[in-house]
Amino acid sequence: MGLLDNVKAKLSPAKDKVSGLAQQHGDKVRHGLDEAAKIVDEKTKGKYSGRIQTGTGKARDAVDRLAHRDGTEGPGGGSTPPPAS
C-alpha cells in the first residue's frame, strides 16, 4: 500500500463525517452563505456583486457535493469507485 493509499484510508472517516454534517446542516450553511454575501455586497456598495454571486454559487455547489446532493451516491452507497492507477 502506497503513501497516498494510507492517507486516503486515514481521511476516509473524516470525509464521511463531513458529508453527514453537510447533509444535516446544509440548509443552515447555505443560509449563512447567502446572508454573508448580502452583507458583503452592502458593505462594498454593489461594486463586487458579480464576484460575490460567483463565489457564493461555488460555495453552495461545494456544500451540495459534500452532502451528495448532485445525484451521486453517498458513503457506502453502492457505487463502485474508479480503479486506482
N, C-alpha and C. Protein backbone atom coordinates (compact mmCIF):
# COMPACT_ATOMS: atom_id res chain seq x y z
N MET A 1 0.86 -1.18 0.00
CA MET A 1 0.00 0.00 0.00
C MET A 1 0.90 1.23 0.00
N GLY A 2 0.64 2.14 -0.91
CA GLY A 2 1.45 3.33 -1.04
C GLY A 2 1.06 4.41 -0.04
N LEU A 3 1.87 5.43 -0.01
CA LEU A 3 1.65 6.54 0.92
C LEU A 3 0.29 7.21 0.68
N LEU A 4 -0.06 7.43 -0.57
CA LEU A 4 -1.33 8.06 -0.89
C LEU A 4 -2.51 7.20 -0.44
N ASP A 5 -2.38 5.89 -0.60
CA ASP A 5 -3.44 4.99 -0.14
C ASP A 5 -3.59 5.05 1.38
N ASN A 6 -2.48 5.15 2.09
CA ASN A 6 -2.53 5.26 3.55
C ASN A 6 -3.22 6.55 3.97
N VAL A 7 -2.91 7.64 3.30
CA VAL A 7 -3.53 8.93 3.62
C VAL A 7 -5.03 8.87 3.35
N LYS A 8 -5.41 8.31 2.21
CA LYS A 8 -6.83 8.20 1.87
C LYS A 8 -7.57 7.35 2.91
N ALA A 9 -6.95 6.27 3.34
CA ALA A 9 -7.59 5.38 4.32
C ALA A 9 -7.78 6.10 5.66
N LYS A 10 -6.82 6.92 6.04
CA LYS A 10 -6.91 7.63 7.32
C LYS A 10 -7.93 8.77 7.25
N LEU A 11 -8.09 9.39 6.09
CA LEU A 11 -9.01 10.52 5.95
C LEU A 11 -10.44 10.11 5.62
N SER A 12 -10.66 8.87 5.27
CA SER A 12 -11.99 8.41 4.89
C SER A 12 -13.03 8.63 5.99
N PRO A 13 -12.75 8.32 7.26
CA PRO A 13 -13.76 8.59 8.30
C PRO A 13 -14.10 10.07 8.43
N ALA A 14 -13.10 10.93 8.27
CA ALA A 14 -13.35 12.37 8.35
C ALA A 14 -14.23 12.83 7.19
N LYS A 15 -13.98 12.30 6.02
CA LYS A 15 -14.79 12.66 4.84
C LYS A 15 -16.24 12.25 5.06
N ASP A 16 -16.44 11.05 5.61
CA ASP A 16 -17.79 10.58 5.87
C ASP A 16 -18.49 11.46 6.90
N LYS A 17 -17.75 11.88 7.92
CA LYS A 17 -18.34 12.73 8.96
C LYS A 17 -18.72 14.10 8.38
N VAL A 18 -17.84 14.69 7.58
CA VAL A 18 -18.13 15.98 6.96
C VAL A 18 -19.33 15.86 6.03
N SER A 19 -19.41 14.76 5.31
CA SER A 19 -20.55 14.55 4.42
C SER A 19 -21.85 14.48 5.22
N GLY A 20 -21.82 13.77 6.33
CA GLY A 20 -23.01 13.67 7.17
C GLY A 20 -23.42 15.02 7.74
N LEU A 21 -22.44 15.79 8.18
CA LEU A 21 -22.74 17.13 8.70
C LEU A 21 -23.30 18.04 7.62
N ALA A 22 -22.76 17.92 6.41
CA ALA A 22 -23.27 18.73 5.30
C ALA A 22 -24.71 18.35 4.97
N GLN A 23 -25.04 17.07 5.10
CA GLN A 23 -26.42 16.64 4.85
C GLN A 23 -27.35 17.17 5.93
N GLN A 24 -26.91 17.14 7.19
CA GLN A 24 -27.75 17.58 8.29
C GLN A 24 -27.92 19.09 8.33
N HIS A 25 -26.85 19.82 8.07
CA HIS A 25 -26.85 21.26 8.29
C HIS A 25 -26.66 22.07 7.01
N GLY A 26 -26.84 21.44 5.87
CA GLY A 26 -26.62 22.12 4.59
C GLY A 26 -27.48 23.35 4.42
N ASP A 27 -28.73 23.28 4.87
CA ASP A 27 -29.62 24.43 4.72
C ASP A 27 -29.12 25.62 5.54
N LYS A 28 -28.63 25.35 6.73
CA LYS A 28 -28.10 26.42 7.58
C LYS A 28 -26.84 27.03 6.96
N VAL A 29 -26.00 26.18 6.40
CA VAL A 29 -24.77 26.67 5.77
C VAL A 29 -25.10 27.54 4.57
N ARG A 30 -26.03 27.08 3.72
CA ARG A 30 -26.42 27.86 2.55
C ARG A 30 -27.06 29.19 2.96
N HIS A 31 -27.87 29.17 4.00
CA HIS A 31 -28.47 30.41 4.50
C HIS A 31 -27.38 31.37 4.99
N GLY A 32 -26.40 30.84 5.71
CA GLY A 32 -25.29 31.66 6.18
C GLY A 32 -24.48 32.25 5.03
N LEU A 33 -24.27 31.47 4.00
CA LEU A 33 -23.55 31.97 2.82
C LEU A 33 -24.31 33.12 2.17
N ASP A 34 -25.63 32.95 2.05
CA ASP A 34 -26.45 34.00 1.44
C ASP A 34 -26.43 35.27 2.28
N GLU A 35 -26.53 35.12 3.59
CA GLU A 35 -26.50 36.29 4.48
C GLU A 35 -25.15 37.00 4.41
N ALA A 36 -24.08 36.22 4.43
CA ALA A 36 -22.74 36.81 4.35
C ALA A 36 -22.56 37.54 3.02
N ALA A 37 -23.02 36.93 1.93
CA ALA A 37 -22.91 37.57 0.62
C ALA A 37 -23.68 38.87 0.58
N LYS A 38 -24.86 38.88 1.17
CA LYS A 38 -25.70 40.09 1.20
C LYS A 38 -24.99 41.21 1.98
N ILE A 39 -24.43 40.87 3.13
CA ILE A 39 -23.75 41.87 3.95
C ILE A 39 -22.52 42.42 3.24
N VAL A 40 -21.72 41.53 2.64
CA VAL A 40 -20.52 41.99 1.93
C VAL A 40 -20.90 42.86 0.75
N ASP A 41 -21.96 42.47 0.03
CA ASP A 41 -22.41 43.26 -1.11
C ASP A 41 -22.86 44.65 -0.66
N GLU A 42 -23.54 44.73 0.48
CA GLU A 42 -23.95 46.03 1.01
C GLU A 42 -22.75 46.87 1.41
N LYS A 43 -21.77 46.23 2.08
CA LYS A 43 -20.58 46.96 2.54
C LYS A 43 -19.74 47.48 1.38
N THR A 44 -19.72 46.76 0.27
CA THR A 44 -18.95 47.19 -0.89
C THR A 44 -19.79 48.01 -1.86
N LYS A 45 -21.03 48.31 -1.47
CA LYS A 45 -21.95 49.13 -2.26
C LYS A 45 -22.16 48.57 -3.67
N GLY A 46 -22.21 47.24 -3.76
CA GLY A 46 -22.50 46.59 -5.03
C GLY A 46 -21.36 46.55 -6.02
N LYS A 47 -20.19 47.04 -5.62
CA LYS A 47 -19.06 47.12 -6.54
C LYS A 47 -18.61 45.73 -7.01
N TYR A 48 -18.73 44.72 -6.14
CA TYR A 48 -18.24 43.38 -6.46
C TYR A 48 -19.38 42.36 -6.52
N SER A 49 -20.58 42.80 -6.86
CA SER A 49 -21.76 41.92 -6.85
C SER A 49 -21.55 40.66 -7.68
N GLY A 50 -21.02 40.80 -8.86
CA GLY A 50 -20.81 39.63 -9.73
C GLY A 50 -19.86 38.63 -9.12
N ARG A 51 -18.77 39.11 -8.57
CA ARG A 51 -17.79 38.22 -7.95
C ARG A 51 -18.36 37.57 -6.69
N ILE A 52 -19.14 38.32 -5.94
CA ILE A 52 -19.75 37.78 -4.72
C ILE A 52 -20.73 36.67 -5.10
N GLN A 53 -21.54 36.91 -6.12
CA GLN A 53 -22.50 35.89 -6.56
C GLN A 53 -21.79 34.64 -7.07
N THR A 54 -20.71 34.84 -7.81
CA THR A 54 -19.95 33.70 -8.32
C THR A 54 -19.36 32.88 -7.17
N GLY A 55 -18.75 33.56 -6.22
CA GLY A 55 -18.16 32.86 -5.08
C GLY A 55 -19.19 32.16 -4.24
N THR A 56 -20.32 32.80 -4.03
CA THR A 56 -21.39 32.19 -3.25
C THR A 56 -21.94 30.96 -3.96
N GLY A 57 -22.09 31.06 -5.26
CA GLY A 57 -22.57 29.91 -6.04
C GLY A 57 -21.62 28.73 -5.96
N LYS A 58 -20.33 29.00 -6.05
CA LYS A 58 -19.33 27.93 -5.95
C LYS A 58 -19.33 27.31 -4.56
N ALA A 59 -19.48 28.13 -3.53
CA ALA A 59 -19.53 27.61 -2.17
C ALA A 59 -20.77 26.74 -1.97
N ARG A 60 -21.91 27.18 -2.50
CA ARG A 60 -23.14 26.39 -2.39
C ARG A 60 -22.99 25.06 -3.12
N ASP A 61 -22.37 25.07 -4.29
CA ASP A 61 -22.13 23.84 -5.03
C ASP A 61 -21.23 22.89 -4.24
N ALA A 62 -20.23 23.44 -3.58
CA ALA A 62 -19.32 22.61 -2.77
C ALA A 62 -20.08 21.96 -1.62
N VAL A 63 -20.97 22.70 -0.98
CA VAL A 63 -21.77 22.13 0.11
C VAL A 63 -22.66 21.01 -0.44
N ASP A 64 -23.25 21.23 -1.60
CA ASP A 64 -24.09 20.21 -2.21
C ASP A 64 -23.28 18.96 -2.56
N ARG A 65 -22.07 19.14 -3.06
CA ARG A 65 -21.23 17.98 -3.37
C ARG A 65 -20.87 17.23 -2.10
N LEU A 66 -20.55 17.95 -1.04
CA LEU A 66 -20.23 17.29 0.22
C LEU A 66 -21.43 16.51 0.75
N ALA A 67 -22.62 17.04 0.54
CA ALA A 67 -23.83 16.38 1.02
C ALA A 67 -24.35 15.36 0.02
N HIS A 68 -23.64 15.18 -1.09
CA HIS A 68 -24.00 14.22 -2.14
C HIS A 68 -25.39 14.51 -2.70
N ARG A 69 -25.68 15.78 -2.91
CA ARG A 69 -26.97 16.17 -3.49
C ARG A 69 -26.87 16.37 -4.99
N ASP A 70 -25.75 16.00 -5.58
CA ASP A 70 -25.57 16.17 -7.01
C ASP A 70 -25.94 14.91 -7.80
N GLY A 71 -26.61 13.97 -7.14
CA GLY A 71 -27.03 12.76 -7.82
C GLY A 71 -26.09 11.59 -7.62
N THR A 72 -24.96 11.79 -6.97
CA THR A 72 -24.05 10.68 -6.72
C THR A 72 -24.46 9.99 -5.43
N GLU A 73 -23.97 8.80 -5.27
CA GLU A 73 -24.28 8.04 -4.06
C GLU A 73 -23.45 8.55 -2.90
N GLY A 74 -23.99 8.44 -1.73
CA GLY A 74 -23.30 8.84 -0.52
C GLY A 74 -22.31 7.80 -0.09
N PRO A 75 -21.71 7.95 1.09
CA PRO A 75 -20.74 6.99 1.59
C PRO A 75 -21.38 5.61 1.70
N GLY A 76 -20.72 4.61 1.12
CA GLY A 76 -21.25 3.26 1.18
C GLY A 76 -22.51 3.09 0.37
N GLY A 77 -22.72 3.95 -0.62
CA GLY A 77 -23.95 3.93 -1.39
C GLY A 77 -24.02 2.90 -2.48
N GLY A 78 -22.99 2.09 -2.62
CA GLY A 78 -23.05 1.02 -3.58
C GLY A 78 -22.40 1.35 -4.90
N SER A 79 -22.01 2.56 -5.14
CA SER A 79 -21.35 2.86 -6.40
C SER A 79 -19.90 2.39 -6.31
N THR A 80 -19.38 1.89 -7.41
CA THR A 80 -18.03 1.37 -7.44
C THR A 80 -17.07 2.50 -7.74
N PRO A 81 -16.04 2.69 -6.89
CA PRO A 81 -15.07 3.74 -7.15
C PRO A 81 -14.23 3.39 -8.38
N PRO A 82 -13.67 4.40 -9.04
CA PRO A 82 -12.83 4.11 -10.20
C PRO A 82 -11.58 3.37 -9.76
N PRO A 83 -11.01 2.55 -10.66
CA PRO A 83 -9.82 1.79 -10.29
C PRO A 83 -8.64 2.73 -10.03
N ALA A 84 -7.82 2.36 -9.04
CA ALA A 84 -6.64 3.16 -8.71
C ALA A 84 -5.60 2.99 -9.80
N SER A 85 -4.95 4.09 -10.16
CA SER A 85 -3.93 3.99 -11.21
C SER A 85 -2.57 4.25 -10.66
